Amino acid sequence: MTLPLRAPQPLTREEFAPFGDVIEAHNDAKHFAINYGQTERYHDLADINVSEHEGRAIVSLFRSTPLSSPVTIKLLERHPHSSQAFMPLGTQPYLVVVAPPGDLDESAIRVFLAQPGQGVNYHAGTWHHFSLALNTVSDFLVIDRGDVEGETLNNCDEQPLQQPFIIDLQGITA
């Protein structure tokens, strides 16, 4: 069986808005000098939401191994009770695969190519693939919801795709 191909599109704030926030320094963001003018602060770039059921924000490092080519997408996951932010720490592009919150609509899946310096914050309930490093092992700073002691809240749903697909990497260079 031949799987369909999907080509990634550039990650932009406008195109990604239905799924979350693009985290990047941009002139439209509120920004101002701090530390006696030595630092420019780009302020409040993402809507971090972890407080449902008395959740708490945690900061983690994810080390992602690139998937072998062809990159085949077989499932998506979502975090129904919190956002999840990924900020790359390296100099390599990476892939972002998302679908709107609610029942998973495979026809609405989008594939983006994120550049170094662009992070993403998935809004609560947004379907997404785990981090998809390209070319080399890549580290990501992740801000998401930590478990509350004694909590039985499930904050990660996985859904296999009825129609897996391959991401077309032709023309993507590191």
C-alpha atoms as a PDB file:
ATOM      1  CA  MET A   1       0.000   0.000   0.000  1.00  0.00           C
ATOM      2  CA  THR A   2       1.356   3.416  -0.961  1.00  0.00           C
ATOM      3  CA  LEU A   3       0.924   6.050   1.733  1.00  0.00           C
ATOM      4  CA  PRO A   4      -0.017   9.622   0.792  1.00  0.00           C
ATOM      5  CA  LEU A   5       2.633  12.358   0.900  1.00  0.00           C
ATOM      6  CA  ARG A   6       2.197  15.645   2.752  1.00  0.00           C
ATOM      7  CA  ALA A   7       4.610  18.518   2.242  1.00  0.00           C
ATOM      8  CA  PRO A   8       5.432  20.768   5.190  1.00  0.00           C
ATOM      9  CA  GLN A   9       4.702  24.469   4.960  1.00  0.00           C
ATOM     10  CA  PRO A  10       6.713  27.185   6.700  1.00  0.00           C
ATOM     11  CA  LEU A  11       5.754  27.745  10.333  1.00  0.00           C
ATOM     12  CA  THR A  12       4.154  31.183  10.731  1.00  0.00           C
ATOM     13  CA  ARG A  13       2.202  32.703  13.616  1.00  0.00           C
ATOM     14  CA  GLU A  14      -0.836  33.241  11.400  1.00  0.00           C
ATOM     15  CA  GLU A  15      -1.028  29.690  10.052  1.00  0.00           C
ATOM     16  CA  PHE A  16      -0.301  28.083  13.428  1.00  0.00           C
ATOM     17  CA  ALA A  17      -2.751  30.236  15.458  1.00  0.00           C
ATOM     18  CA  PRO A  18      -5.607  27.655  15.490  1.00  0.00           C
ATOM     19  CA  PHE A  19      -3.267  25.183  17.236  1.00  0.00           C
ATOM     20  CA  GLY A  20      -1.251  27.359  19.586  1.00  0.00           C
ATOM     21  CA  ASP A  21       1.513  29.934  19.646  1.00  0.00           C
ATOM     22  CA  VAL A  22       4.740  30.296  17.703  1.00  0.00           C
ATOM     23  CA  ILE A  23       7.445  31.301  20.162  1.00  0.00           C
ATOM     24  CA  GLU A  24       9.963  33.592  18.479  1.00  0.00           C
ATOM     25  CA  ALA A  25      11.431  37.061  18.727  1.00  0.00           C
ATOM     26  CA  HIS A  26       9.411  39.259  16.383  1.00  0.00           C
ATOM     27  CA  ASN A  27       8.833  42.996  16.151  1.00  0.00           C
ATOM     28  CA  ASP A  28       5.070  42.691  16.728  1.00  0.00           C
ATOM     29  CA  ALA A  29       5.656  41.182  20.172  1.00  0.00           C
ATOM     30  CA  LYS A  30       5.797  43.336  23.251  1.00  0.00           C
ATOM     31  CA  HIS A  31       9.510  43.844  23.785  1.00  0.00           C
ATOM     32  CA  PHE A  32      11.665  46.198  25.796  1.00  0.00           C
ATOM     33  CA  ALA A  33      15.189  46.644  27.067  1.00  0.00           C
ATOM     34  CA  ILE A  34      16.156  45.269  30.476  1.00  0.00           C
ATOM     35  CA  ASN A  35      19.412  44.761  32.384  1.00  0.00           C
ATOM     36  CA  TYR A  36      20.656  48.302  31.753  1.00  0.00           C
ATOM     37  CA  GLY A  37      20.054  47.990  28.019  1.00  0.00           C
ATOM     38  CA  GLN A  38      22.135  44.847  27.616  1.00  0.00           C
ATOM     39  CA  THR A  39      19.137  42.579  26.969  1.00  0.00           C
ATOM     40  CA  GLU A  40      16.003  42.873  24.843  1.00  0.00           C
ATOM     41  CA  ARG A  41      13.094  41.041  26.465  1.00  0.00           C
ATOM     42  CA  TYR A  42      10.418  39.611  24.147  1.00  0.00           C
ATOM     43  CA  HIS A  43       7.593  39.363  26.645  1.00  0.00           C
ATOM     44  CA  ASP A  44       4.702  36.899  27.101  1.00  0.00           C
ATOM     45  CA  LEU A  45       5.091  35.031  23.789  1.00  0.00           C
ATOM     46  CA  ALA A  46       2.873  32.040  24.627  1.00  0.00           C
ATOM     47  CA  ASP A  47      -0.268  31.253  26.585  1.00  0.00           C
ATOM     48  CA  ILE A  48       1.117  28.654  29.002  1.00  0.00           C
ATOM     49  CA  ASN A  49      -1.853  26.906  30.622  1.00  0.00           C
ATOM     50  CA  VAL A  50      -1.141  24.257  33.259  1.00  0.00           C
ATOM     51  CA  SER A  51      -3.328  25.319  36.196  1.00  0.00           C
ATOM     52  CA  GLU A  52      -6.353  23.057  35.610  1.00  0.00           C
ATOM     53  CA  HIS A  53      -6.847  20.697  38.574  1.00  0.00           C
ATOM     54  CA  GLU A  54      -4.141  22.608  40.500  1.00  0.00           C
ATOM     55  CA  GLY A  55      -1.431  21.624  38.031  1.00  0.00           C
ATOM     56  CA  ARG A  56       2.019  23.142  38.153  1.00  0.00           C
ATOM     57  CA  ALA A  57       4.426  24.184  35.431  1.00  0.00           C
ATOM     58  CA  ILE A  58       7.571  22.122  34.970  1.00  0.00           C
ATOM     59  CA  VAL A  59      10.585  22.672  32.722  1.00  0.00           C
ATOM     60  CA  SER A  60      12.191  19.640  31.068  1.00  0.00           C
ATOM     61  CA  LEU A  61      14.708  18.857  28.357  1.00  0.00           C
ATOM     62  CA  PHE A  62      13.633  16.461  25.620  1.00  0.00           C
ATOM     63  CA  ARG A  63      16.376  14.885  23.514  1.00  0.00           C
ATOM     64  CA  SER A  64      14.838  13.820  20.198  1.00  0.00           C
ATOM     65  CA  THR A  65      16.389  11.345  17.805  1.00  0.00           C
ATOM     66  CA  PRO A  66      15.526  11.991  14.161  1.00  0.00           C
ATOM     67  CA  LEU A  67      13.193   9.487  12.589  1.00  0.00           C
ATOM     68  CA  SER A  68      14.568   7.572   9.667  1.00  0.00           C
ATOM     69  CA  SER A  69      13.410   8.543   6.213  1.00  0.00           C
ATOM     70  CA  PRO A  70      10.731   8.326   5.032  1.00  0.00           C
ATOM     71  CA  VAL A  71       9.116  10.035   8.042  1.00  0.00           C
ATOM     72  CA  THR A  72       5.821   8.209   8.470  1.00  0.00           C
ATOM     73  CA  ILE A  73       3.170   9.686  10.758  1.00  0.00           C
ATOM     74  CA  LYS A  74       1.094   6.946  12.372  1.00  0.00           C
ATOM     75  CA  LEU A  75      -0.434   8.599  15.448  1.00  0.00           C
ATOM     76  CA  LEU A  76      -1.056  11.895  17.202  1.00  0.00           C
ATOM     77  CA  GLU A  77      -1.365  12.783  20.865  1.00  0.00           C
ATOM     78  CA  ARG A  78      -2.998  15.556  22.857  1.00  0.00           C
ATOM     79  CA  HIS A  79      -2.875  16.942  26.373  1.00  0.00           C
ATOM     80  CA  PRO A  80      -6.488  17.774  27.255  1.00  0.00           C
ATOM     81  CA  HIS A  81      -5.699  19.566  30.522  1.00  0.00           C
ATOM     82  CA  SER A  82      -2.710  21.741  29.630  1.00  0.00           C
ATOM     83  CA  SER A  83      -0.620  23.422  27.007  1.00  0.00           C
ATOM     84  CA  GLN A  84       2.806  22.082  26.057  1.00  0.00           C
ATOM     85  CA  ALA A  85       5.618  24.314  24.788  1.00  0.00           C
ATOM     86  CA  PHE A  86       8.714  23.206  22.843  1.00  0.00           C
ATOM     87  CA  MET A  87      11.696  25.486  22.213  1.00  0.00           C
ATOM     88  CA  PRO A  88      14.595  24.070  20.179  1.00  0.00           C
ATOM     89  CA  LEU A  89      18.031  24.562  21.689  1.00  0.00           C
ATOM     90  CA  GLY A  90      19.990  23.733  18.546  1.00  0.00           C
ATOM     91  CA  THR A  91      20.514  25.035  15.044  1.00  0.00           C
ATOM     92  CA  GLN A  92      18.477  22.505  13.070  1.00  0.00           C
ATOM     93  CA  PRO A  93      14.980  22.815  11.617  1.00  0.00           C
ATOM     94  CA  TYR A  94      12.327  20.391  12.869  1.00  0.00           C
ATOM     95  CA  LEU A  95       8.835  19.255  11.903  1.00  0.00           C
ATOM     96  CA  VAL A  96       5.552  20.105  13.617  1.00  0.00           C
ATOM     97  CA  VAL A  97       2.439  18.006  12.912  1.00  0.00           C
ATOM     98  CA  VAL A  98      -0.881  19.227  14.364  1.00  0.00           C
ATOM     99  CA  ALA A  99      -4.662  18.931  14.165  1.00  0.00           C
ATOM    100  CA  PRO A 100      -7.378  21.010  15.862  1.00  0.00           C
ATOM    101  CA  PRO A 101      -8.747  20.114  19.320  1.00  0.00           C
ATOM    102  CA  GLY A 102     -11.855  17.955  19.579  1.00  0.00           C
ATOM    103  CA  ASP A 103     -12.423  14.645  17.843  1.00  0.00           C
ATOM    104  CA  LEU A 104      -9.405  13.943  15.646  1.00  0.00           C
ATOM    105  CA  ASP A 105     -10.170  15.055  12.076  1.00  0.00           C
ATOM    106  CA  GLU A 106      -7.435  13.554   9.921  1.00  0.00           C
ATOM    107  CA  SER A 107      -8.378  15.774   6.979  1.00  0.00           C
ATOM    108  CA  ALA A 108      -7.421  18.807   9.116  1.00  0.00           C
ATOM    109  CA  ILE A 109      -3.877  17.629   9.939  1.00  0.00           C
ATOM    110  CA  ARG A 110      -1.224  20.237   9.104  1.00  0.00           C
ATOM    111  CA  VAL A 111       2.532  19.797   8.722  1.00  0.00           C
ATOM    112  CA  PHE A 112       4.908  22.707   9.381  1.00  0.00           C
ATOM    113  CA  LEU A 113       8.644  23.168   9.030  1.00  0.00           C
ATOM    114  CA  ALA A 114       9.980  25.091  12.037  1.00  0.00           C
ATOM    115  CA  GLN A 115      13.291  26.894  11.812  1.00  0.00           C
ATOM    116  CA  PRO A 116      15.943  27.273  14.515  1.00  0.00           C
ATOM    117  CA  GLY A 117      14.760  29.966  16.924  1.00  0.00           C
ATOM    118  CA  GLN A 118      11.078  29.062  16.447  1.00  0.00           C
ATOM    119  CA  GLY A 119       9.323  27.239  19.246  1.00  0.00           C
ATOM    120  CA  VAL A 120       5.717  26.119  19.506  1.00  0.00           C
ATOM    121  CA  ASN A 121       3.189  26.080  22.321  1.00  0.00           C
ATOM    122  CA  TYR A 122       0.343  23.642  21.705  1.00  0.00           C
ATOM    123  CA  HIS A 123      -2.912  24.828  23.256  1.00  0.00           C
ATOM    124  CA  ALA A 124      -4.685  22.375  25.550  1.00  0.00           C
ATOM    125  CA  GLY A 125      -6.378  19.625  23.545  1.00  0.00           C
ATOM    126  CA  THR A 126      -4.486  20.296  20.298  1.00  0.00           C
ATOM    127  CA  TRP A 127      -3.541  17.061  18.561  1.00  0.00           C
ATOM    128  CA  HIS A 128       0.168  16.880  17.743  1.00  0.00           C
ATOM    129  CA  HIS A 129       2.964  14.477  16.997  1.00  0.00           C
ATOM    130  CA  PHE A 130       5.845  14.151  19.418  1.00  0.00           C
ATOM    131  CA  SER A 131       8.900  16.244  18.550  1.00  0.00           C
ATOM    132  CA  LEU A 132      10.273  15.453  15.097  1.00  0.00           C
ATOM    133  CA  ALA A 133      13.957  16.263  14.877  1.00  0.00           C
ATOM    134  CA  LEU A 134      15.533  16.403  11.430  1.00  0.00           C
ATOM    135  CA  ASN A 135      19.076  15.373  10.509  1.00  0.00           C
ATOM    136  CA  THR A 136      20.558  15.080  14.004  1.00  0.00           C
ATOM    137  CA  VAL A 137      19.737  14.475  17.652  1.00  0.00           C
ATOM    138  CA  SER A 138      18.093  17.691  18.880  1.00  0.00           C
ATOM    139  CA  ASP A 139      17.355  19.069  22.335  1.00  0.00           C
ATOM    140  CA  PHE A 140      14.161  20.949  23.181  1.00  0.00           C
ATOM    141  CA  LEU A 141      13.295  22.942  26.293  1.00  0.00           C
ATOM    142  CA  VAL A 142       9.746  21.856  27.212  1.00  0.00           C
ATOM    143  CA  ILE A 143       7.294  23.629  29.514  1.00  0.00           C
ATOM    144  CA  ASP A 144       4.235  21.607  30.426  1.00  0.00           C
ATOM    145  CA  ARG A 145       2.107  20.348  33.289  1.00  0.00           C
ATOM    146  CA  GLY A 146       3.662  18.331  36.082  1.00  0.00           C
ATOM    147  CA  ASP A 147       1.703  15.667  37.875  1.00  0.00           C
ATOM    148  CA  VAL A 148       0.194  16.593  41.203  1.00  0.00           C
ATOM    149  CA  GLU A 149       1.010  14.065  43.935  1.00  0.00           C
ATOM    150  CA  GLY A 150      -1.741  11.468  44.238  1.00  0.00           C
ATOM    151  CA  GLU A 151      -3.408  12.665  41.030  1.00  0.00           C
ATOM    152  CA  THR A 152      -4.983  10.168  38.649  1.00  0.00           C
ATOM    153  CA  LEU A 153      -5.671  12.716  35.903  1.00  0.00           C
ATOM    154  CA  ASN A 154      -4.788  11.424  32.438  1.00  0.00           C
ATOM    155  CA  ASN A 155      -3.253  14.313  30.507  1.00  0.00           C
ATOM    156  CA  CYS A 156      -2.045  12.430  27.438  1.00  0.00           C
ATOM    157  CA  ASP A 157      -4.338  10.795  24.893  1.00  0.00           C
ATOM    158  CA  GLU A 158      -2.876   8.962  21.884  1.00  0.00           C
ATOM    159  CA  GLN A 159      -4.842   8.273  18.716  1.00  0.00           C
ATOM    160  CA  PRO A 160      -3.580   6.019  15.906  1.00  0.00           C
ATOM    161  CA  LEU A 161      -4.319   7.439  12.464  1.00  0.00           C
ATOM    162  CA  GLN A 162      -6.744   5.574  10.227  1.00  0.00           C
ATOM    163  CA  GLN A 163      -4.706   6.847   7.263  1.00  0.00           C
ATOM    164  CA  PRO A 164      -0.988   7.170   8.097  1.00  0.00           C
ATOM    165  CA  PHE A 165       1.018   9.435   5.792  1.00  0.00           C
ATOM    166  CA  ILE A 166       4.585  10.236   4.802  1.00  0.00           C
ATOM    167  CA  ILE A 167       6.085  13.706   5.133  1.00  0.00           C
ATOM    168  CA  ASP A 168       7.693  14.827   1.892  1.00  0.00           C
ATOM    169  CA  LEU A 169      11.173  16.019   2.852  1.00  0.00           C
ATOM    170  CA  GLN A 170      12.293  16.843  -0.676  1.00  0.00           C
ATOM    171  CA  GLY A 171      13.850  20.259  -0.807  1.00  0.00           C
ATOM    172  CA  ILE A 172      14.348  20.535   2.964  1.00  0.00           C
ATOM    173  CA  THR A 173      17.939  21.335   3.836  1.00  0.00           C
ATOM    174  CA  ALA A 174      19.556  21.807   7.193  1.00  0.00           C
END
